[in-house]
Every structure is written in C-alpha cells, then in structure tokens.
C-alpha cells in the first residue's frame, strides 16, 4: 500500500484591516431615541411599525426617528445618504439605530 501526500493550504487570505471594537451596548432603551435605517427593499414599511409598537410596550418613553428622515440606504443616492447618517443621527439625538436591509 502506498501513501499519498497532499499539500495543505489555509483557505483564508492574510488580514489586511484591523478590527475595531464595537460600540458599547445601551443598558436600557428607556428614554432613548432610536433611529430606523432601511434600504427600501424588503418589508421595512411593515416591520418598523411592529418594532415601534412592541418596543413601545416595553419602553413607553422611547422615541423613534422614522426611516423616511434618512432616505434609502441603497440605490443611486446610497453614497450620499450613508455619508450623511452620522450628522443626521446627531441632529436628531439618536441613541441607537435599527438598520433593516433586504434579504
């Protein structure tokens, strides 16, 4: 019986970027303002009202900034919309973001 040798290679390429730590999670949503971001592709118009209703039951003093304030995060104006998100979040006093995207 003969033995066969195979060269083994690692399937990943070397890392080219440094992973940054994620933002600290909020302790609670009480009294917070939550921004909604959507790419206008898959059912956000149905999902966001449900999230608002259900989160509002648990945290009645939570405010929401509708996705319409920001515009679509996908499409021909995507670059413009996305680059403006930080300023808009600050302008509206957002504490957190729910970002919805198509499947």
N, C-alpha and C. Protein backbone atom coordinates (compact mmCIF):
# COMPACT_ATOMS: atom_id res chain seq x y z
N UNK A 1 0.83 -1.17 0.00
CA UNK A 1 0.00 0.00 0.00
C UNK A 1 0.89 1.25 0.00
N UNK A 2 0.65 2.16 -0.90
CA UNK A 2 1.48 3.37 -0.98
C UNK A 2 0.77 4.52 -0.29
N UNK A 3 1.55 5.42 0.25
CA UNK A 3 0.94 6.59 0.90
C UNK A 3 0.99 7.77 -0.06
N UNK A 4 -0.04 8.55 -0.02
CA UNK A 4 -0.12 9.74 -0.85
C UNK A 4 -0.04 10.96 0.05
N UNK A 5 0.76 11.93 -0.32
CA UNK A 5 0.85 13.16 0.45
C UNK A 5 0.17 14.28 -0.30
N UNK A 6 -0.51 15.12 0.47
CA UNK A 6 -1.20 16.27 -0.09
C UNK A 6 -0.71 17.53 0.62
N UNK A 7 -0.49 18.56 -0.15
CA UNK A 7 -0.12 19.83 0.45
C UNK A 7 -1.39 20.48 1.00
N UNK A 8 -1.32 20.97 2.22
CA UNK A 8 -2.47 21.61 2.84
C UNK A 8 -2.22 23.11 2.84
N UNK A 9 -3.23 23.84 2.41
CA UNK A 9 -3.12 25.30 2.39
C UNK A 9 -4.25 25.90 3.21
N UNK A 10 -4.00 27.06 3.77
CA UNK A 10 -5.02 27.76 4.53
C UNK A 10 -5.91 28.52 3.55
N UNK A 11 -7.23 28.35 3.64
CA UNK A 11 -8.13 28.94 2.63
C UNK A 11 -8.35 30.45 2.76
N UNK A 12 -7.90 31.04 3.83
CA UNK A 12 -8.11 32.48 4.00
C UNK A 12 -6.87 33.27 3.58
N UNK A 13 -7.14 34.49 3.18
CA UNK A 13 -6.02 35.39 2.88
C UNK A 13 -5.56 36.06 4.17
N UNK A 14 -4.39 36.65 4.16
CA UNK A 14 -3.93 37.37 5.36
C UNK A 14 -4.85 38.56 5.65
N UNK A 15 -5.00 38.92 6.93
CA UNK A 15 -5.81 40.09 7.30
C UNK A 15 -5.17 41.35 6.75
N UNK A 16 -6.01 42.22 6.23
CA UNK A 16 -5.49 43.48 5.69
C UNK A 16 -6.02 44.68 6.46
N UNK A 17 -6.99 44.44 7.35
CA UNK A 17 -7.52 45.54 8.15
C UNK A 17 -7.52 45.14 9.62
N UNK A 18 -7.57 46.14 10.47
CA UNK A 18 -7.67 45.89 11.90
C UNK A 18 -9.14 45.96 12.29
N UNK A 19 -9.58 45.02 13.07
CA UNK A 19 -10.97 45.02 13.52
C UNK A 19 -11.10 45.99 14.69
N UNK A 20 -12.03 46.92 14.57
CA UNK A 20 -12.27 47.90 15.62
C UNK A 20 -13.29 47.36 16.61
N UNK A 21 -13.19 47.76 17.86
CA UNK A 21 -14.19 47.30 18.84
C UNK A 21 -15.56 47.90 18.51
N UNK A 22 -16.61 47.17 18.84
CA UNK A 22 -17.96 47.65 18.59
C UNK A 22 -18.36 48.63 19.69
N UNK A 23 -19.36 49.43 19.41
CA UNK A 23 -19.85 50.40 20.39
C UNK A 23 -20.45 49.68 21.59
N UNK A 24 -20.36 50.30 22.75
CA UNK A 24 -20.94 49.74 23.95
C UNK A 24 -22.45 49.66 23.80
N UNK A 25 -23.04 48.58 24.23
CA UNK A 25 -24.50 48.43 24.18
C UNK A 25 -25.15 49.32 25.22
N UNK A 26 -26.36 49.77 24.91
CA UNK A 26 -27.12 50.55 25.87
C UNK A 26 -27.60 49.64 27.00
N UNK A 27 -27.62 50.17 28.22
CA UNK A 27 -28.12 49.39 29.35
C UNK A 27 -29.63 49.19 29.27
N UNK A 28 -30.31 50.18 28.68
CA UNK A 28 -31.77 50.13 28.57
C UNK A 28 -32.19 50.99 27.37
N UNK A 29 -33.41 50.79 26.93
CA UNK A 29 -33.98 51.64 25.89
C UNK A 29 -34.91 52.70 26.48
N UNK A 30 -35.06 52.69 27.80
CA UNK A 30 -35.92 53.68 28.47
C UNK A 30 -35.41 55.09 28.17
N UNK A 31 -36.32 55.91 27.65
CA UNK A 31 -35.99 57.30 27.38
C UNK A 31 -35.04 57.53 26.21
N UNK A 32 -34.76 56.50 25.46
CA UNK A 32 -33.81 56.61 24.35
C UNK A 32 -34.54 56.96 23.06
N UNK A 33 -33.76 57.46 22.11
CA UNK A 33 -34.27 57.76 20.77
C UNK A 33 -33.60 56.80 19.80
N UNK A 34 -34.43 56.07 19.07
CA UNK A 34 -33.93 55.04 18.16
C UNK A 34 -34.20 55.43 16.71
N UNK A 35 -33.15 55.48 15.93
CA UNK A 35 -33.27 55.79 14.51
C UNK A 35 -33.50 54.51 13.72
N UNK A 36 -34.30 54.61 12.68
CA UNK A 36 -34.56 53.48 11.80
C UNK A 36 -33.89 53.76 10.46
N UNK A 37 -33.07 52.83 10.02
CA UNK A 37 -32.46 52.92 8.69
C UNK A 37 -32.96 51.76 7.87
N UNK A 38 -33.26 52.03 6.60
CA UNK A 38 -33.81 50.98 5.74
C UNK A 38 -33.33 51.19 4.32
N UNK A 39 -33.17 50.09 3.59
CA UNK A 39 -32.75 50.16 2.20
C UNK A 39 -33.93 50.15 1.22
N UNK A 40 -35.14 50.22 1.74
CA UNK A 40 -36.38 50.28 0.95
C UNK A 40 -36.56 49.05 0.05
N UNK A 41 -35.99 47.93 0.46
CA UNK A 41 -36.09 46.74 -0.38
C UNK A 41 -37.08 45.72 0.17
N UNK A 42 -36.99 45.38 1.44
CA UNK A 42 -37.78 44.26 1.92
C UNK A 42 -38.55 44.58 3.19
N UNK A 43 -39.82 44.90 3.09
CA UNK A 43 -40.81 44.95 4.15
C UNK A 43 -40.53 45.85 5.35
N UNK A 44 -39.62 46.78 5.24
CA UNK A 44 -39.38 47.70 6.35
C UNK A 44 -40.63 48.49 6.71
N UNK A 45 -41.43 48.81 5.70
CA UNK A 45 -42.67 49.55 5.94
C UNK A 45 -43.65 48.73 6.78
N UNK A 46 -43.48 47.42 6.82
CA UNK A 46 -44.30 46.55 7.67
C UNK A 46 -43.61 46.28 9.01
N UNK A 47 -42.32 46.06 8.98
CA UNK A 47 -41.57 45.64 10.15
C UNK A 47 -41.35 46.77 11.16
N UNK A 48 -40.96 47.95 10.69
CA UNK A 48 -40.66 49.04 11.62
C UNK A 48 -41.86 49.44 12.48
N UNK A 49 -43.08 49.53 11.94
CA UNK A 49 -44.23 49.83 12.82
C UNK A 49 -44.44 48.75 13.89
N UNK A 50 -44.19 47.51 13.55
CA UNK A 50 -44.32 46.43 14.54
C UNK A 50 -43.27 46.59 15.63
N UNK A 51 -42.03 46.87 15.22
CA UNK A 51 -40.97 47.08 16.21
C UNK A 51 -41.31 48.27 17.12
N UNK A 52 -41.79 49.35 16.53
CA UNK A 52 -42.16 50.52 17.34
C UNK A 52 -43.24 50.15 18.36
N UNK A 53 -44.25 49.44 17.90
CA UNK A 53 -45.35 49.07 18.80
C UNK A 53 -44.86 48.17 19.94
N UNK A 54 -44.11 47.13 19.59
CA UNK A 54 -43.66 46.18 20.61
C UNK A 54 -42.62 46.79 21.55
N UNK A 55 -41.68 47.52 21.02
CA UNK A 55 -40.69 48.18 21.88
C UNK A 55 -41.37 49.26 22.74
N UNK A 56 -42.36 49.93 22.16
CA UNK A 56 -43.11 50.95 22.89
C UNK A 56 -43.87 50.37 24.07
N UNK A 57 -44.30 49.13 23.98
CA UNK A 57 -44.97 48.47 25.11
C UNK A 57 -44.00 48.26 26.26
N UNK A 58 -42.78 47.87 25.93
CA UNK A 58 -41.78 47.60 26.97
C UNK A 58 -41.11 48.87 27.49
N UNK A 59 -40.96 49.84 26.60
CA UNK A 59 -40.27 51.09 26.94
C UNK A 59 -41.11 52.26 26.43
N UNK A 60 -42.18 52.62 27.16
CA UNK A 60 -43.13 53.62 26.66
C UNK A 60 -42.55 55.00 26.38
N UNK A 61 -41.43 55.34 27.00
CA UNK A 61 -40.86 56.67 26.79
C UNK A 61 -39.79 56.68 25.70
N UNK A 62 -39.72 55.61 24.92
CA UNK A 62 -38.77 55.54 23.81
C UNK A 62 -39.33 56.29 22.60
N UNK A 63 -38.46 57.04 21.92
CA UNK A 63 -38.87 57.77 20.71
C UNK A 63 -38.22 57.10 19.50
N UNK A 64 -38.84 57.27 18.35
CA UNK A 64 -38.33 56.67 17.12
C UNK A 64 -38.18 57.75 16.05
N UNK A 65 -37.11 57.64 15.29
CA UNK A 65 -36.89 58.51 14.13
C UNK A 65 -37.15 57.64 12.91
N UNK A 66 -38.18 57.95 12.15
CA UNK A 66 -38.60 57.14 11.02
C UNK A 66 -37.53 57.09 9.93
N UNK A 67 -37.46 55.98 9.25
CA UNK A 67 -36.50 55.78 8.16
C UNK A 67 -36.63 56.81 7.05
N UNK A 68 -37.81 57.38 6.88
CA UNK A 68 -38.01 58.41 5.84
C UNK A 68 -37.12 59.64 6.05
N UNK A 69 -36.76 59.90 7.30
CA UNK A 69 -35.90 61.04 7.62
C UNK A 69 -34.53 60.89 6.96
N UNK A 70 -34.07 59.65 6.82
CA UNK A 70 -32.72 59.39 6.31
C UNK A 70 -32.69 59.11 4.82
N UNK A 71 -33.73 58.52 4.27
CA UNK A 71 -33.74 58.10 2.88
C UNK A 71 -33.21 56.68 2.75
N UNK A 72 -33.30 56.15 1.56
CA UNK A 72 -32.89 54.76 1.31
C UNK A 72 -31.37 54.60 1.41
N UNK A 73 -30.97 53.56 2.15
CA UNK A 73 -29.54 53.27 2.28
C UNK A 73 -29.04 52.39 1.14
N UNK A 74 -29.82 52.29 0.08
CA UNK A 74 -29.44 51.51 -1.09
C UNK A 74 -29.92 52.26 -2.34
N UNK A 75 -29.17 52.14 -3.40
CA UNK A 75 -29.63 52.73 -4.65
C UNK A 75 -28.72 53.83 -5.16
N UNK A 76 -29.25 54.63 -6.07
CA UNK A 76 -28.43 55.62 -6.75
C UNK A 76 -27.93 56.75 -5.83
N UNK A 77 -28.59 56.97 -4.69
CA UNK A 77 -28.15 58.00 -3.75
C UNK A 77 -27.55 57.40 -2.48
N UNK A 78 -27.25 56.11 -2.53
CA UNK A 78 -26.73 55.40 -1.37
C UNK A 78 -25.51 56.07 -0.75
N UNK A 79 -24.55 56.42 -1.55
CA UNK A 79 -23.31 57.02 -1.04
C UNK A 79 -23.61 58.33 -0.31
N UNK A 80 -24.46 59.14 -0.89
CA UNK A 80 -24.83 60.42 -0.28
C UNK A 80 -25.59 60.20 1.03
N UNK A 81 -26.57 59.31 1.00
CA UNK A 81 -27.38 59.03 2.19
C UNK A 81 -26.52 58.47 3.32
N UNK A 82 -25.73 57.46 3.02
CA UNK A 82 -24.91 56.81 4.05
C UNK A 82 -23.89 57.77 4.64
N UNK A 83 -23.27 58.59 3.80
CA UNK A 83 -22.26 59.53 4.32
C UNK A 83 -22.90 60.58 5.23
N UNK A 84 -24.17 60.85 5.05
CA UNK A 84 -24.86 61.83 5.88
C UNK A 84 -25.46 61.28 7.16
N UNK A 85 -25.42 59.97 7.34
CA UNK A 85 -26.06 59.36 8.51
C UNK A 85 -25.49 59.87 9.83
N UNK A 86 -24.18 59.92 10.03
CA UNK A 86 -23.68 60.38 11.33
C UNK A 86 -24.20 61.77 11.73
N UNK A 87 -24.20 62.70 10.79
CA UNK A 87 -24.68 64.06 11.08
C UNK A 87 -26.18 64.04 11.40
N UNK A 88 -26.94 63.24 10.67
CA UNK A 88 -28.40 63.17 10.91
C UNK A 88 -28.69 62.53 12.26
N UNK A 89 -27.92 61.50 12.62
CA UNK A 89 -28.11 60.86 13.93
C UNK A 89 -27.87 61.87 15.05
N UNK A 90 -26.83 62.67 14.88
CA UNK A 90 -26.52 63.70 15.88
C UNK A 90 -27.61 64.77 15.90
N UNK A 91 -28.02 65.20 14.72
CA UNK A 91 -29.05 66.24 14.59
C UNK A 91 -30.34 65.84 15.31
N UNK A 92 -30.73 64.59 15.19
CA UNK A 92 -31.98 64.12 15.78
C UNK A 92 -31.80 63.49 17.16
N UNK A 93 -30.57 63.48 17.67
CA UNK A 93 -30.32 62.97 19.02
C UNK A 93 -30.51 61.48 19.17
N UNK A 94 -30.14 60.71 18.16
CA UNK A 94 -30.31 59.26 18.22
C UNK A 94 -29.33 58.63 19.21
N UNK A 95 -29.85 57.71 19.99
CA UNK A 95 -29.03 56.94 20.93
C UNK A 95 -28.70 55.56 20.37
N UNK A 96 -29.53 55.09 19.45
CA UNK A 96 -29.36 53.74 18.89
C UNK A 96 -29.94 53.72 17.48
N UNK A 97 -29.59 52.67 16.73
CA UNK A 97 -30.07 52.51 15.35
C UNK A 97 -30.57 51.10 15.16
N UNK A 98 -31.69 50.97 14.47
CA UNK A 98 -32.12 49.68 13.94
C UNK A 98 -31.99 49.82 12.43
N UNK A 99 -31.15 48.99 11.84
CA UNK A 99 -30.91 49.06 10.40
C UNK A 99 -31.51 47.84 9.74
N UNK A 100 -32.46 48.07 8.85
CA UNK A 100 -33.10 46.98 8.13
C UNK A 100 -32.63 46.92 6.71
N UNK A 101 -32.38 45.69 6.24
CA UNK A 101 -31.92 45.51 4.87
C UNK A 101 -32.64 44.35 4.23
N UNK A 102 -32.70 44.37 2.92
CA UNK A 102 -33.38 43.31 2.18
C UNK A 102 -32.68 41.97 2.32
N UNK A 103 -33.43 40.92 2.07
CA UNK A 103 -32.86 39.57 2.17
C UNK A 103 -32.58 39.03 0.79
